[in-house]
Amino acid sequence: MPVELNEIEEAEVELEQWLVDQAENGVPEVVLIGLLRDYADDIEQLGYVPRTWGEAER
């Protein structure tokens, strides 16, 4: 299923806003970086984004 450029841009904007919101709410940037890296590693290893994140995937 091809992804449209506007879908990618929209997802990017939403992720950026979520990160800003978390940082403004006091979550340290180092924590956000760690979360992103962990999720990226999981997704890379699995080859897809799980539709639910249970303990088995983490």
Protein backbone atom coordinates (compact mmCIF):
# COMPACT_ATOMS: atom_id res chain seq x y z
CA MET A 1 0.00 0.00 0.00
CA PRO A 2 1.75 3.18 -1.14
CA VAL A 3 1.91 6.06 1.30
CA GLU A 4 1.11 9.52 0.06
CA LEU A 5 3.61 12.29 0.78
CA ASN A 6 0.96 14.30 2.61
CA GLU A 7 0.33 11.32 4.95
CA ILE A 8 4.03 11.21 5.82
CA GLU A 9 4.12 14.97 6.39
CA GLU A 10 1.00 14.81 8.56
CA ALA A 11 2.45 12.01 10.67
CA GLU A 12 5.69 13.96 11.03
CA VAL A 13 3.85 17.08 12.20
CA GLU A 14 1.79 15.05 14.70
CA LEU A 15 4.90 13.34 16.09
CA GLU A 16 6.73 16.66 16.37
CA GLN A 17 3.79 18.19 18.23
CA TRP A 18 3.59 15.21 20.58
CA LEU A 19 7.31 15.54 21.34
CA VAL A 20 6.95 19.28 21.99
CA ASP A 21 3.96 18.66 24.27
CA GLN A 22 5.89 16.06 26.26
CA ALA A 23 8.92 18.32 26.61
CA GLU A 24 6.75 21.27 27.65
CA ASN A 25 5.12 19.02 30.27
CA GLY A 26 8.50 18.31 31.80
CA VAL A 27 9.55 15.04 30.21
CA PRO A 28 13.33 15.27 29.78
CA GLU A 29 14.58 15.17 26.21
CA VAL A 30 16.90 12.28 27.07
CA VAL A 31 13.83 10.22 28.06
CA LEU A 32 12.07 11.07 24.78
CA ILE A 33 15.19 10.13 22.82
CA GLY A 34 15.40 6.80 24.64
CA LEU A 35 11.74 6.04 23.95
CA LEU A 36 12.09 6.84 20.26
CA ARG A 37 15.22 4.69 19.96
CA ASP A 38 13.60 1.75 21.76
CA TYR A 39 10.48 1.87 19.61
CA ALA A 40 12.55 2.29 16.45
CA ASP A 41 14.64 -0.75 17.40
CA ASP A 42 11.49 -2.80 18.08
CA ILE A 43 9.92 -1.78 14.77
CA GLU A 44 13.12 -2.49 12.87
CA GLN A 45 13.46 -5.92 14.46
CA LEU A 46 9.81 -6.85 13.85
CA GLY A 47 9.64 -5.30 10.40
CA TYR A 48 6.30 -3.64 11.14
CA VAL A 49 4.52 -1.48 13.69
CA PRO A 50 2.47 -3.63 16.04
CA ARG A 51 -1.12 -2.46 16.30
CA THR A 52 -0.93 -3.07 20.05
CA TRP A 53 2.09 -2.84 22.31
CA GLY A 54 1.83 -5.60 24.89
CA GLU A 55 4.53 -6.76 27.25
CA ALA A 56 5.55 -9.47 24.78
CA GLU A 57 6.64 -6.87 22.20
CA ARG A 58 8.62 -4.75 24.65
